[in-house]
């Protein structure tokens, strides 16, 4: 399953908001340096979906606020 994620780094709290079936907004506390925000996004999505972090992969947009993420089931 592929989802589209808009990331908000340096947020006050971490949260995942579902916009519709495939679009999500993820707020993370980490800064977008050295992949820290990407790791936080994967952690947040894994917690939201109740799956392991290894089941989530950033397909596109690793250096962008807009990401395409693949979730293996």
N, C-alpha and C. Protein backbone atom coordinates (compact mmCIF):
# COMPACT_ATOMS: atom_id res chain seq x y z
N UNK A 1 0.85 -1.18 0.00
CA UNK A 1 0.00 0.00 0.00
C UNK A 1 0.89 1.24 0.00
N UNK A 2 0.58 2.19 -0.86
CA UNK A 2 1.33 3.45 -0.90
C UNK A 2 0.47 4.55 -0.33
N UNK A 3 1.12 5.42 0.47
CA UNK A 3 0.43 6.58 1.02
C UNK A 3 1.25 7.82 0.73
N UNK A 4 0.59 8.96 0.74
CA UNK A 4 1.23 10.25 0.52
C UNK A 4 1.25 10.99 1.85
N UNK A 5 2.43 11.49 2.22
CA UNK A 5 2.60 12.09 3.54
C UNK A 5 3.18 13.48 3.40
N UNK A 6 2.57 14.44 4.10
CA UNK A 6 3.13 15.79 4.24
C UNK A 6 3.73 15.84 5.64
N UNK A 7 5.01 16.16 5.72
CA UNK A 7 5.74 16.15 6.98
C UNK A 7 5.92 17.57 7.51
N UNK A 8 5.70 17.72 8.81
CA UNK A 8 5.97 18.98 9.48
C UNK A 8 7.06 18.72 10.52
N UNK A 9 8.32 19.02 10.19
CA UNK A 9 9.41 18.84 11.16
C UNK A 9 9.41 19.95 12.20
N UNK A 10 10.14 19.73 13.28
CA UNK A 10 10.29 20.70 14.38
C UNK A 10 8.95 21.11 14.99
N UNK A 11 8.02 20.16 15.07
CA UNK A 11 6.71 20.44 15.68
C UNK A 11 6.81 20.32 17.19
N UNK A 12 5.85 20.87 17.90
CA UNK A 12 5.85 20.79 19.36
C UNK A 12 5.49 19.40 19.85
N UNK A 13 4.65 18.69 19.09
CA UNK A 13 4.27 17.33 19.47
C UNK A 13 4.23 16.44 18.23
N UNK A 14 4.46 15.16 18.45
CA UNK A 14 4.41 14.20 17.36
C UNK A 14 3.00 13.67 17.21
N UNK A 15 2.49 13.71 15.97
CA UNK A 15 1.15 13.17 15.73
C UNK A 15 0.99 12.82 14.26
N UNK A 16 0.05 11.91 14.01
CA UNK A 16 -0.30 11.50 12.65
C UNK A 16 -1.77 11.85 12.44
N UNK A 17 -2.04 12.60 11.40
CA UNK A 17 -3.41 12.98 11.07
C UNK A 17 -3.79 12.36 9.73
N UNK A 18 -4.92 11.68 9.70
CA UNK A 18 -5.41 11.08 8.46
C UNK A 18 -6.29 12.10 7.75
N UNK A 19 -5.92 12.48 6.53
CA UNK A 19 -6.70 13.43 5.75
C UNK A 19 -7.76 12.68 4.95
N UNK A 20 -7.34 11.63 4.24
CA UNK A 20 -8.27 10.71 3.59
C UNK A 20 -7.60 9.34 3.53
N UNK A 21 -8.07 8.44 2.70
CA UNK A 21 -7.57 7.07 2.70
C UNK A 21 -6.08 6.95 2.42
N UNK A 22 -5.53 7.83 1.58
CA UNK A 22 -4.12 7.69 1.21
C UNK A 22 -3.28 8.92 1.55
N UNK A 23 -3.87 9.97 2.09
CA UNK A 23 -3.13 11.18 2.42
C UNK A 23 -3.09 11.39 3.93
N UNK A 24 -1.87 11.64 4.43
CA UNK A 24 -1.65 11.82 5.86
C UNK A 24 -0.79 13.05 6.10
N UNK A 25 -0.91 13.62 7.29
CA UNK A 25 -0.03 14.70 7.74
C UNK A 25 0.65 14.21 9.01
N UNK A 26 1.97 14.23 9.01
CA UNK A 26 2.75 13.73 10.14
C UNK A 26 3.60 14.87 10.70
N UNK A 27 3.41 15.15 11.98
CA UNK A 27 4.22 16.16 12.68
C UNK A 27 5.23 15.44 13.55
N UNK A 28 6.49 15.85 13.46
CA UNK A 28 7.55 15.23 14.26
C UNK A 28 8.38 16.31 14.92
N UNK A 29 9.00 15.98 16.04
CA UNK A 29 9.82 16.93 16.79
C UNK A 29 11.22 17.08 16.21
N UNK A 30 11.67 16.09 15.48
CA UNK A 30 13.04 16.07 14.97
C UNK A 30 13.27 17.13 13.89
N UNK A 31 14.51 17.54 13.76
CA UNK A 31 14.91 18.49 12.71
C UNK A 31 15.22 17.72 11.43
N UNK A 32 15.03 18.35 10.28
CA UNK A 32 15.31 17.65 9.02
C UNK A 32 16.79 17.64 8.66
N UNK A 33 17.60 17.04 9.49
CA UNK A 33 19.04 16.94 9.26
C UNK A 33 19.48 15.49 9.42
N UNK A 34 20.29 15.02 8.49
CA UNK A 34 20.89 13.68 8.55
C UNK A 34 19.85 12.57 8.70
N UNK A 35 18.67 12.76 8.13
CA UNK A 35 17.65 11.71 8.15
C UNK A 35 16.90 11.56 9.46
N UNK A 36 17.11 12.47 10.39
CA UNK A 36 16.44 12.35 11.71
C UNK A 36 14.93 12.47 11.59
N UNK A 37 14.45 13.42 10.79
CA UNK A 37 13.01 13.59 10.62
C UNK A 37 12.40 12.40 9.89
N UNK A 38 13.11 11.86 8.90
CA UNK A 38 12.61 10.68 8.18
C UNK A 38 12.47 9.49 9.13
N UNK A 39 13.42 9.29 10.00
CA UNK A 39 13.34 8.20 10.97
C UNK A 39 12.17 8.41 11.92
N UNK A 40 11.94 9.65 12.32
CA UNK A 40 10.83 9.96 13.21
C UNK A 40 9.49 9.73 12.51
N UNK A 41 9.42 10.04 11.22
CA UNK A 41 8.20 9.80 10.45
C UNK A 41 7.89 8.30 10.39
N UNK A 42 8.92 7.51 10.12
CA UNK A 42 8.74 6.05 10.06
C UNK A 42 8.29 5.52 11.41
N UNK A 43 8.90 6.00 12.50
CA UNK A 43 8.51 5.58 13.85
C UNK A 43 7.05 5.93 14.13
N UNK A 44 6.66 7.17 13.78
CA UNK A 44 5.30 7.64 14.04
C UNK A 44 4.28 6.83 13.24
N UNK A 45 4.57 6.55 11.98
CA UNK A 45 3.65 5.77 11.15
C UNK A 45 3.56 4.33 11.62
N UNK A 46 4.68 3.77 12.06
CA UNK A 46 4.66 2.39 12.58
C UNK A 46 3.77 2.30 13.81
N UNK A 47 3.85 3.30 14.68
CA UNK A 47 2.99 3.32 15.86
C UNK A 47 1.52 3.52 15.49
N UNK A 48 1.26 4.36 14.51
CA UNK A 48 -0.11 4.65 14.09
C UNK A 48 -0.78 3.41 13.49
N UNK A 49 -0.03 2.71 12.62
CA UNK A 49 -0.59 1.53 11.96
C UNK A 49 -0.42 0.25 12.77
N UNK A 50 0.39 0.30 13.83
CA UNK A 50 0.61 -0.89 14.65
C UNK A 50 1.43 -1.96 13.95
N UNK A 51 2.44 -1.53 13.20
CA UNK A 51 3.30 -2.46 12.48
C UNK A 51 4.76 -2.14 12.82
N UNK A 52 5.67 -3.00 12.36
CA UNK A 52 7.09 -2.77 12.64
C UNK A 52 7.64 -1.69 11.71
N UNK A 53 8.69 -1.04 12.15
CA UNK A 53 9.31 0.03 11.37
C UNK A 53 9.91 -0.51 10.08
N UNK A 54 10.34 -1.77 10.08
CA UNK A 54 10.95 -2.35 8.88
C UNK A 54 9.93 -2.57 7.77
N UNK A 55 8.65 -2.49 8.08
CA UNK A 55 7.59 -2.65 7.08
C UNK A 55 7.30 -1.35 6.34
N UNK A 56 7.97 -0.27 6.72
CA UNK A 56 7.71 1.05 6.14
C UNK A 56 8.96 1.53 5.42
N UNK A 57 8.77 2.02 4.18
CA UNK A 57 9.89 2.48 3.38
C UNK A 57 9.52 3.77 2.66
N UNK A 58 10.42 4.74 2.68
CA UNK A 58 10.21 5.98 1.94
C UNK A 58 10.62 5.73 0.49
N UNK A 59 9.64 5.80 -0.41
CA UNK A 59 9.88 5.51 -1.83
C UNK A 59 10.38 6.76 -2.55
N UNK A 60 9.78 7.91 -2.22
CA UNK A 60 10.12 9.15 -2.90
C UNK A 60 10.01 10.32 -1.92
N UNK A 61 10.87 11.31 -2.09
CA UNK A 61 10.78 12.53 -1.29
C UNK A 61 11.55 12.49 0.00
N UNK A 62 12.66 11.76 0.04
CA UNK A 62 13.43 11.68 1.29
C UNK A 62 14.01 13.03 1.70
N UNK A 63 14.15 13.96 0.75
CA UNK A 63 14.65 15.30 1.07
C UNK A 63 13.57 16.37 0.92
N UNK A 64 12.31 15.95 0.98
CA UNK A 64 11.20 16.86 0.76
C UNK A 64 10.17 16.70 1.87
N UNK A 65 9.29 17.70 2.02
CA UNK A 65 8.20 17.60 2.99
C UNK A 65 7.10 16.68 2.48
N UNK A 66 7.01 16.52 1.17
CA UNK A 66 6.02 15.62 0.57
C UNK A 66 6.70 14.29 0.26
N UNK A 67 6.18 13.22 0.82
CA UNK A 67 6.80 11.91 0.67
C UNK A 67 5.79 10.88 0.18
N UNK A 68 6.28 9.91 -0.57
CA UNK A 68 5.49 8.74 -0.92
C UNK A 68 6.09 7.60 -0.11
N UNK A 69 5.24 6.94 0.66
CA UNK A 69 5.71 5.90 1.57
C UNK A 69 5.01 4.60 1.25
N UNK A 70 5.78 3.53 1.19
CA UNK A 70 5.23 2.20 0.93
C UNK A 70 5.15 1.43 2.23
N UNK A 71 3.99 0.84 2.47
CA UNK A 71 3.78 0.04 3.67
C UNK A 71 3.55 -1.40 3.24
N UNK A 72 4.43 -2.29 3.67
CA UNK A 72 4.31 -3.71 3.33
C UNK A 72 3.42 -4.38 4.36
N UNK A 73 2.52 -5.21 3.90
CA UNK A 73 1.62 -5.91 4.82
C UNK A 73 1.79 -7.39 4.69
